[in-house]
């Protein structure tokens, strides 16, 4: 076989890989070494804060782990601060592509630079006369690691039974709070509908219904809050502009609330037919607040419904008149014997013998109470 006479072909046969690949291979080696160091430190961090393995540890190990978690201990992260490379190499040119010149004449060629480390074997095999001698020197400097990398944690399981031997549901209490504080998580409380709960006292002792992120996943405590939802907590709906009907009732019951009816004076209304179609005047708890549907009924007040006062046995006067008018009722005075209407002056000071509407029943604003006065009683 004849020796090649083309200089480019000769250099290509004699020398090794492209210069860029040589540098990148060194960088890859440094990167692999750094990755191994990082992996070791990360595995140590996750091992310390992996609560799912606590059952496998002895009491002494758990005591030490609790102390380590409380002080916020973090394993040391080792880095390769800088790598400096200096090598003697031979350079060669390799024809990469060739195309015709737009102005004619000699074709235009593109070359790539190849590099071969100088060692005894290469020098004896190829000789130096066909190689371009060079000294290659470069540095590999690491960039800063991602922020808060030491804050990654396994997300603990906060939903479901406390343990295989204790089927009680996990609740929000001092133990749960201490656990998450030690792990470094911030916590957001929410209703199932996604409404934020800002009053922590509302969730005290309640079973945790769900959590985000899921248990067992890895999260960065510096920027990923742990969201906990509670099944019985809901935002109280606004009923103030609604009339009582089946649709209003459905709104309340869909959220799990019960309800109770009251007059503005606080008297309980038992007969629901009395409030059918009435405009709701006010409510408690207030609309938009968070309440526990399992133990907090919504008290609905109807401004136009009142308990009829007891007038029988009293002596008619301006005080009785004021009681009636303050409740929004009107009245009509009658002589108890003749059943004829009489004036205020004619009834004033006399015993009220009977009334209609009956005392203790409920009537609407504007209804009239018939008052029967015994004008013969002195």
Protein backbone atom coordinates (compact mmCIF):
# COMPACT_ATOMS: atom_id res chain seq x y z
CA UNK A 1 0.00 0.00 0.00
CA UNK A 2 1.46 3.38 -1.00
CA UNK A 3 1.97 6.11 1.58
CA UNK A 4 -0.58 8.95 1.34
CA UNK A 5 0.75 12.05 -0.33
CA UNK A 6 -2.13 14.44 0.63
CA UNK A 7 -0.98 16.33 3.79
CA UNK A 8 -4.52 16.60 5.16
CA UNK A 9 -5.10 12.84 4.69
CA UNK A 10 -1.73 12.11 6.28
CA UNK A 11 -2.54 14.22 9.39
CA UNK A 12 -5.95 12.60 9.67
CA UNK A 13 -4.44 9.09 9.74
CA UNK A 14 -1.70 10.01 12.18
CA UNK A 15 -3.61 11.92 14.84
CA UNK A 16 -6.48 11.24 17.23
CA UNK A 17 -9.85 12.75 18.16
CA UNK A 18 -11.11 16.30 17.64
CA UNK A 19 -9.73 18.86 20.08
CA UNK A 20 -13.21 19.64 21.44
CA UNK A 21 -13.79 15.99 22.34
CA UNK A 22 -10.50 15.87 24.23
CA UNK A 23 -11.46 18.84 26.37
CA UNK A 24 -15.03 17.66 26.89
CA UNK A 25 -13.85 14.18 27.96
CA UNK A 26 -11.73 15.76 30.70
CA UNK A 27 -14.71 17.88 31.74
CA UNK A 28 -16.94 14.80 31.78
CA UNK A 29 -14.53 13.05 34.12
CA UNK A 30 -14.50 16.01 36.52
CA UNK A 31 -18.31 16.20 36.34
CA UNK A 32 -18.68 12.50 37.14
CA UNK A 33 -16.42 12.88 40.16
CA UNK A 34 -18.40 15.88 41.43
CA UNK A 35 -21.70 14.07 40.84
CA UNK A 36 -20.49 11.17 42.97
CA UNK A 37 -19.64 13.56 45.82
CA UNK A 38 -23.01 15.31 45.52
CA UNK A 39 -24.90 12.04 45.44
CA UNK A 40 -23.27 10.90 48.66
CA UNK A 41 -24.18 14.11 50.47
CA UNK A 42 -27.76 14.10 49.15
CA UNK A 43 -28.28 10.48 50.15
CA UNK A 44 -27.09 11.31 53.66
CA UNK A 45 -29.50 14.28 53.84
CA UNK A 46 -32.48 12.24 52.71
CA UNK A 47 -31.54 9.37 55.04
CA UNK A 48 -31.61 11.70 58.04
CA UNK A 49 -35.02 13.15 57.22
CA UNK A 50 -36.70 10.01 55.81
CA UNK A 51 -39.38 9.38 58.45
CA UNK A 52 -40.67 6.26 56.72
CA UNK A 53 -37.66 4.29 57.98
CA UNK A 54 -37.97 5.32 61.64
CA UNK A 55 -39.76 2.06 62.49
CA UNK A 56 -36.64 0.15 61.45
CA UNK A 57 -34.37 2.00 63.89
CA UNK A 58 -33.61 1.35 67.54
CA UNK A 59 -34.65 3.70 70.32
CA UNK A 60 -31.08 4.97 70.63
CA UNK A 61 -30.88 5.67 66.90
CA UNK A 62 -34.24 7.45 66.97
CA UNK A 63 -33.14 9.59 69.89
CA UNK A 64 -29.99 10.64 68.03
CA UNK A 65 -31.95 11.28 64.81
CA UNK A 66 -34.47 13.44 66.66
CA UNK A 67 -31.66 15.56 68.07
CA UNK A 68 -30.00 15.86 64.65
CA UNK A 69 -33.31 16.92 63.05
CA UNK A 70 -34.08 19.45 65.79
CA UNK A 71 -30.73 21.25 65.39
CA UNK A 72 -31.14 21.26 61.61
CA UNK A 73 -27.95 19.30 60.93
CA UNK A 74 -26.90 19.09 57.29
CA UNK A 75 -24.22 16.73 55.87
CA UNK A 76 -21.19 18.44 54.35
CA UNK A 77 -21.27 18.97 50.59
CA UNK A 78 -17.78 18.51 49.10
CA UNK A 79 -16.86 20.22 45.84
CA UNK A 80 -13.98 20.14 43.39
CA UNK A 81 -13.30 23.87 43.38
CA UNK A 82 -11.15 23.96 40.26
CA UNK A 83 -9.39 21.59 37.87
CA UNK A 84 -6.39 22.75 35.86
CA UNK A 85 -5.22 20.67 32.89
CA UNK A 86 -1.91 21.03 31.08
CA UNK A 87 -0.95 18.59 28.33
CA UNK A 88 1.46 18.35 25.42
CA UNK A 89 -0.35 17.37 22.28
CA UNK A 90 0.17 17.16 18.57
CA UNK A 91 -2.33 18.96 16.38
CA UNK A 92 -3.53 18.02 12.93
CA UNK A 93 -5.99 19.30 10.38
CA UNK A 94 -8.75 17.12 9.01
CA UNK A 95 -10.83 18.01 5.98
CA UNK A 96 -14.40 18.50 7.16
CA UNK A 97 -16.11 19.69 3.95
CA UNK A 98 -15.33 21.19 0.58
CA UNK A 99 -17.43 23.37 -1.68
CA UNK A 100 -16.96 25.33 -4.88
CA UNK A 101 -15.84 28.94 -4.58
CA UNK A 102 -18.51 31.44 -5.68
CA UNK A 103 -15.87 33.33 -7.68
CA UNK A 104 -14.29 30.24 -9.23
CA UNK A 105 -10.79 28.92 -8.80
CA UNK A 106 -9.66 26.77 -5.88
CA UNK A 107 -12.51 25.11 -3.94
CA UNK A 108 -13.19 26.35 -0.41
CA UNK A 109 -12.39 23.80 2.30
CA UNK A 110 -13.37 23.53 5.98
CA UNK A 111 -11.04 21.77 8.40
CA UNK A 112 -11.34 20.58 12.00
CA UNK A 113 -8.49 20.41 14.49
CA UNK A 114 -7.58 16.97 15.86
CA UNK A 115 -5.41 16.42 18.92
CA UNK A 116 -3.30 13.46 20.07
CA UNK A 117 -1.56 13.43 23.46
CA UNK A 118 2.20 13.11 23.08
CA UNK A 119 3.56 9.90 24.50
CA UNK A 120 6.40 7.58 23.59
CA UNK A 121 4.22 5.31 21.50
CA UNK A 122 2.80 8.09 19.37
CA UNK A 123 6.18 9.79 18.97
CA UNK A 124 7.89 6.59 17.86
CA UNK A 125 5.09 5.59 15.58
CA UNK A 126 4.47 8.88 13.82
CA UNK A 127 7.57 10.97 14.36
CA UNK A 128 7.50 14.67 15.01
CA UNK A 129 8.12 16.02 11.54
CA UNK A 130 4.47 15.58 10.50
CA UNK A 131 2.90 17.02 13.65
CA UNK A 132 2.24 20.46 14.91
CA UNK A 133 3.62 20.60 18.47
CA UNK A 134 1.48 22.45 21.02
CA UNK A 135 0.88 22.77 24.74
CA UNK A 136 -2.80 22.66 25.74
CA UNK A 137 -3.73 24.36 29.01
CA UNK A 138 -7.25 24.96 30.32
CA UNK A 139 -9.23 25.18 33.57
CA UNK A 140 -12.52 23.58 34.56
CA UNK A 141 -14.26 25.77 37.16
CA UNK A 142 -17.58 24.73 38.76
CA UNK A 143 -20.52 27.11 38.77
CA UNK A 144 -22.40 27.69 42.05
CA UNK A 145 -24.74 24.84 42.94
CA UNK A 146 -28.53 25.33 42.87
CA UNK A 147 -29.80 27.46 45.72
CA UNK A 148 -31.17 25.72 48.82
CA UNK A 149 -30.13 22.27 47.71
CA UNK A 150 -29.65 21.34 51.38
CA UNK A 151 -33.40 22.01 51.92
CA UNK A 152 -34.66 18.97 50.01
CA UNK A 153 -36.69 16.52 52.10
CA UNK A 154 -38.85 13.47 51.78
CA UNK A 155 -42.46 14.56 52.32
CA UNK A 156 -43.85 12.76 55.41
CA UNK A 157 -47.15 10.87 55.37
CA UNK A 158 -49.72 12.94 57.27
CA UNK A 159 -52.88 11.22 56.01
CA UNK A 160 -54.46 8.03 57.22
CA UNK A 161 -53.99 5.97 60.40
CA UNK A 162 -51.32 6.82 62.92
CA UNK A 163 -49.76 3.35 62.65
CA UNK A 164 -50.66 -0.22 61.71
CA UNK A 165 -51.60 -0.84 65.35
CA UNK A 166 -53.39 2.48 65.85
CA UNK A 167 -56.17 3.12 63.32
CA UNK A 168 -56.85 6.61 64.63
CA UNK A 169 -56.45 9.24 61.89
CA UNK A 170 -53.50 11.58 61.97
CA UNK A 171 -54.50 15.00 63.22
CA UNK A 172 -53.03 18.48 63.39
CA UNK A 173 -51.51 18.76 66.85
CA UNK A 174 -48.28 19.76 68.57
CA UNK A 175 -46.56 16.53 67.50
CA UNK A 176 -47.41 17.08 63.82
CA UNK A 177 -46.39 20.71 64.04
CA UNK A 178 -43.06 19.86 65.67
CA UNK A 179 -42.37 17.24 63.01
CA UNK A 180 -42.86 19.67 60.14
CA UNK A 181 -40.95 22.43 61.91
CA UNK A 182 -37.97 20.10 62.31
CA UNK A 183 -38.13 19.17 58.63
CA UNK A 184 -38.25 22.86 57.70
CA UNK A 185 -41.63 22.85 55.93
CA UNK A 186 -43.97 25.80 55.92
CA UNK A 187 -47.61 24.74 56.13
CA UNK A 188 -50.76 26.06 54.48
CA UNK A 189 -54.17 25.01 55.73
CA UNK A 190 -57.00 24.78 53.22
CA UNK A 191 -60.58 23.64 52.90
CA UNK A 192 -61.48 20.93 50.39
CA UNK A 193 -62.68 23.72 48.10
CA UNK A 194 -59.22 25.35 48.22
CA UNK A 195 -60.04 28.25 50.53
CA UNK A 196 -57.13 29.34 52.72
CA UNK A 197 -57.52 28.86 56.48
CA UNK A 198 -55.55 31.50 58.38
CA UNK A 199 -56.70 30.71 61.92
CA UNK A 200 -54.67 27.71 63.09
CA UNK A 201 -56.94 27.19 66.10
CA UNK A 202 -59.67 26.02 63.71
CA UNK A 203 -57.64 22.96 62.63
CA UNK A 204 -56.35 21.99 66.07
CA UNK A 205 -57.18 18.33 66.68
CA UNK A 206 -58.83 17.81 63.28
CA UNK A 207 -58.05 14.82 61.07
CA UNK A 208 -55.93 15.70 58.03
CA UNK A 209 -57.91 14.81 54.92
CA UNK A 210 -55.26 15.23 52.20
CA UNK A 211 -51.84 16.71 51.56
CA UNK A 212 -49.83 18.23 48.72
CA UNK A 213 -47.10 17.23 47.83
CA UNK A 214 -47.87 13.54 48.25
CA UNK A 215 -46.17 11.52 50.94
CA UNK A 216 -42.87 9.97 49.88
CA UNK A 217 -42.09 12.52 47.19
CA UNK A 218 -39.11 14.84 47.42
CA UNK A 219 -39.68 18.56 47.91
CA UNK A 220 -37.57 21.63 48.54
CA UNK A 221 -38.70 23.15 51.83
CA UNK A 222 -37.37 26.56 50.79
CA UNK A 223 -39.98 27.07 48.06
CA UNK A 224 -42.56 24.27 48.34
CA UNK A 225 -45.10 24.70 51.16
CA UNK A 226 -46.96 21.68 52.46
CA UNK A 227 -50.71 22.13 51.89
CA UNK A 228 -53.03 20.29 54.27
CA UNK A 229 -56.79 20.06 53.78
CA UNK A 230 -59.42 19.32 56.40
CA UNK A 231 -62.69 17.63 55.51
CA UNK A 232 -64.98 19.38 57.99
CA UNK A 233 -63.80 22.95 57.44
CA UNK A 234 -65.54 25.09 54.85
CA UNK A 235 -66.07 28.71 53.93
CA UNK A 236 -69.48 29.89 55.12
CA UNK A 237 -71.67 30.84 52.13
CA UNK A 238 -73.26 34.28 51.81
CA UNK A 239 -77.01 33.89 52.38
CA UNK A 240 -77.87 37.52 53.07
CA UNK A 241 -79.42 38.22 49.67
CA UNK A 242 -81.27 34.91 49.34
CA UNK A 243 -84.78 33.78 50.14
CA UNK A 244 -85.24 30.54 52.02
CA UNK A 245 -86.11 27.74 49.64
CA UNK A 246 -84.87 24.32 48.55
CA UNK A 247 -82.00 25.83 46.54
CA UNK A 248 -80.71 27.77 49.54
CA UNK A 249 -80.99 24.66 51.67
CA UNK A 250 -78.98 22.69 49.08
CA UNK A 251 -76.16 25.26 49.15
CA UNK A 252 -75.81 24.77 52.90
CA UNK A 253 -76.10 20.99 52.93
CA UNK A 254 -73.65 20.51 50.05
CA UNK A 255 -70.97 22.02 52.30
CA UNK A 256 -71.94 19.74 55.16
CA UNK A 257 -73.46 22.44 57.35
CA UNK A 258 -76.63 22.15 59.37
CA UNK A 259 -78.80 25.20 60.02
CA UNK A 260 -81.15 26.76 62.54
CA UNK A 261 -83.75 29.53 62.17
CA UNK A 262 -84.10 32.45 64.55
CA UNK A 263 -85.97 35.70 64.95
CA UNK A 264 -84.00 38.96 65.34
CA UNK A 265 -84.66 38.67 69.08
CA UNK A 266 -82.97 35.23 69.17
CA UNK A 267 -86.05 33.05 69.46
CA UNK A 268 -85.67 29.64 67.80
CA UNK A 269 -88.05 28.92 64.91
CA UNK A 270 -88.87 25.23 64.70
CA UNK A 271 -91.54 25.22 61.99
CA UNK A 272 -89.69 25.55 58.67
CA UNK A 273 -92.91 26.30 56.79
CA UNK A 274 -93.00 29.69 58.54
CA UNK A 275 -89.82 30.84 56.78
CA UNK A 276 -90.49 29.43 53.32
CA UNK A 277 -89.86 32.18 50.78
CA UNK A 278 -88.75 34.74 53.38
CA UNK A 279 -85.71 36.95 52.74
CA UNK A 280 -82.76 36.04 54.95
CA UNK A 281 -81.79 39.03 57.04
CA UNK A 282 -78.50 37.95 58.61
CA UNK A 283 -76.47 34.88 59.50
CA UNK A 284 -73.92 33.54 61.93
CA UNK A 285 -71.10 32.65 61.33
CA UNK A 286 -70.48 35.53 58.94
CA UNK A 287 -70.27 34.87 55.22
CA UNK A 288 -66.71 34.20 54.07
CA UNK A 289 -65.48 33.00 57.44
CA UNK A 290 -64.22 29.44 57.94
CA UNK A 291 -66.24 27.16 60.20
CA UNK A 292 -66.37 23.51 61.19
CA UNK A 293 -69.45 22.07 59.54
CA UNK A 294 -69.54 19.11 61.94
CA UNK A 295 -70.23 21.23 65.01
CA UNK A 296 -71.16 24.72 63.83
CA UNK A 297 -74.71 25.16 62.52
CA UNK A 298 -75.44 28.26 60.47
CA UNK A 299 -77.94 30.40 62.35
CA UNK A 300 -80.25 32.15 59.89
CA UNK A 301 -82.16 35.21 61.05
CA UNK A 302 -85.39 36.38 59.40
CA UNK A 303 -86.01 40.04 60.15
CA UNK A 304 -89.73 39.82 59.34
CA UNK A 305 -90.62 36.98 61.68
CA UNK A 306 -91.15 37.50 65.43
CA UNK A 307 -92.54 35.74 68.45
CA UNK A 308 -95.83 37.25 69.60
CA UNK A 309 -95.43 38.78 73.08
CA UNK A 310 -97.53 37.78 76.07
CA UNK A 311 -100.02 40.55 76.85
CA UNK A 312 -102.60 38.60 78.86
CA UNK A 313 -102.42 39.50 82.52
CA UNK A 314 -100.78 42.86 81.94
CA UNK A 315 -102.42 46.24 82.29
CA UNK A 316 -102.62 48.14 79.04
CA UNK A 317 -100.25 51.07 78.90
CA UNK A 318 -97.68 52.75 76.67
CA UNK A 319 -95.18 50.05 77.66
CA UNK A 320 -97.30 47.30 76.09
CA UNK A 321 -97.80 49.49 73.04
CA UNK A 322 -94.03 49.97 72.71
CA UNK A 323 -93.37 46.22 72.99
CA UNK A 324 -95.76 45.53 70.12
CA UNK A 325 -94.44 48.29 67.88
CA UNK A 326 -90.79 47.39 68.50
CA UNK A 327 -91.53 43.93 67.14
CA UNK A 328 -93.04 45.44 64.01
CA UNK A 329 -96.63 44.44 64.83
CA UNK A 330 -99.70 46.63 64.83
CA UNK A 331 -102.56 46.26 67.33
CA UNK A 332 -106.30 46.75 67.66
CA UNK A 333 -107.99 47.28 71.04
CA UNK A 334 -111.36 45.73 71.92
CA UNK A 335 -113.63 45.76 74.94
CA UNK A 336 -113.57 42.20 76.29
CA UNK A 337 -117.31 42.18 77.04
CA UNK A 338 -118.85 44.02 74.11
CA UNK A 339 -116.09 43.16 71.62
CA UNK A 340 -116.35 46.70 70.33
CA UNK A 341 -113.22 48.59 69.38
CA UNK A 342 -111.98 51.09 71.93
CA UNK A 343 -109.32 53.80 71.96
CA UNK A 344 -105.97 53.79 73.71
CA UNK A 345 -107.32 56.19 76.35
CA UNK A 346 -110.33 53.95 76.98
CA UNK A 347 -108.10 50.88 77.45
CA UNK A 348 -105.30 52.58 79.36
CA UNK A 349 -104.79 51.03 82.80
CA UNK A 350 -107.20 48.17 82.31
CA UNK A 351 -106.38 44.42 82.45
CA UNK A 352 -105.69 42.63 79.20
CA UNK A 353 -107.94 39.61 79.32
CA UNK A 354 -107.23 37.99 75.96
CA UNK A 355 -105.27 38.44 72.74
CA UNK A 356 -105.15 37.22 69.21
CA UNK A 357 -102.49 36.49 67.82
CA UNK A 358 -101.70 33.96 70.54
CA UNK A 359 -98.65 34.65 72.69
CA UNK A 360 -95.61 32.50 71.95
CA UNK A 361 -96.60 31.88 68.33
CA UNK A 362 -94.77 33.46 65.41
CA UNK A 363 -96.13 36.17 63.15
CA UNK A 364 -94.82 38.46 60.44
CA UNK A 365 -93.93 42.10 60.52
CA UNK A 366 -97.07 44.15 59.99
CA UNK A 367 -99.44 41.53 61.40
CA UNK A 368 -102.09 42.82 63.81
CA UNK A 369 -102.52 41.67 67.40
CA UNK A 370 -106.09 41.99 68.68
CA UNK A 371 -106.02 42.98 72.33
CA UNK A 372 -109.12 42.42 74.50
CA UNK A 373 -109.27 44.66 77.56
CA UNK A 374 -111.62 44.25 80.52
CA UNK A 375 -112.71 47.83 81.03
CA UNK A 376 -114.90 46.84 83.97
CA UNK A 377 -111.90 45.68 86.02
CA UNK A 378 -110.55 48.39 88.31
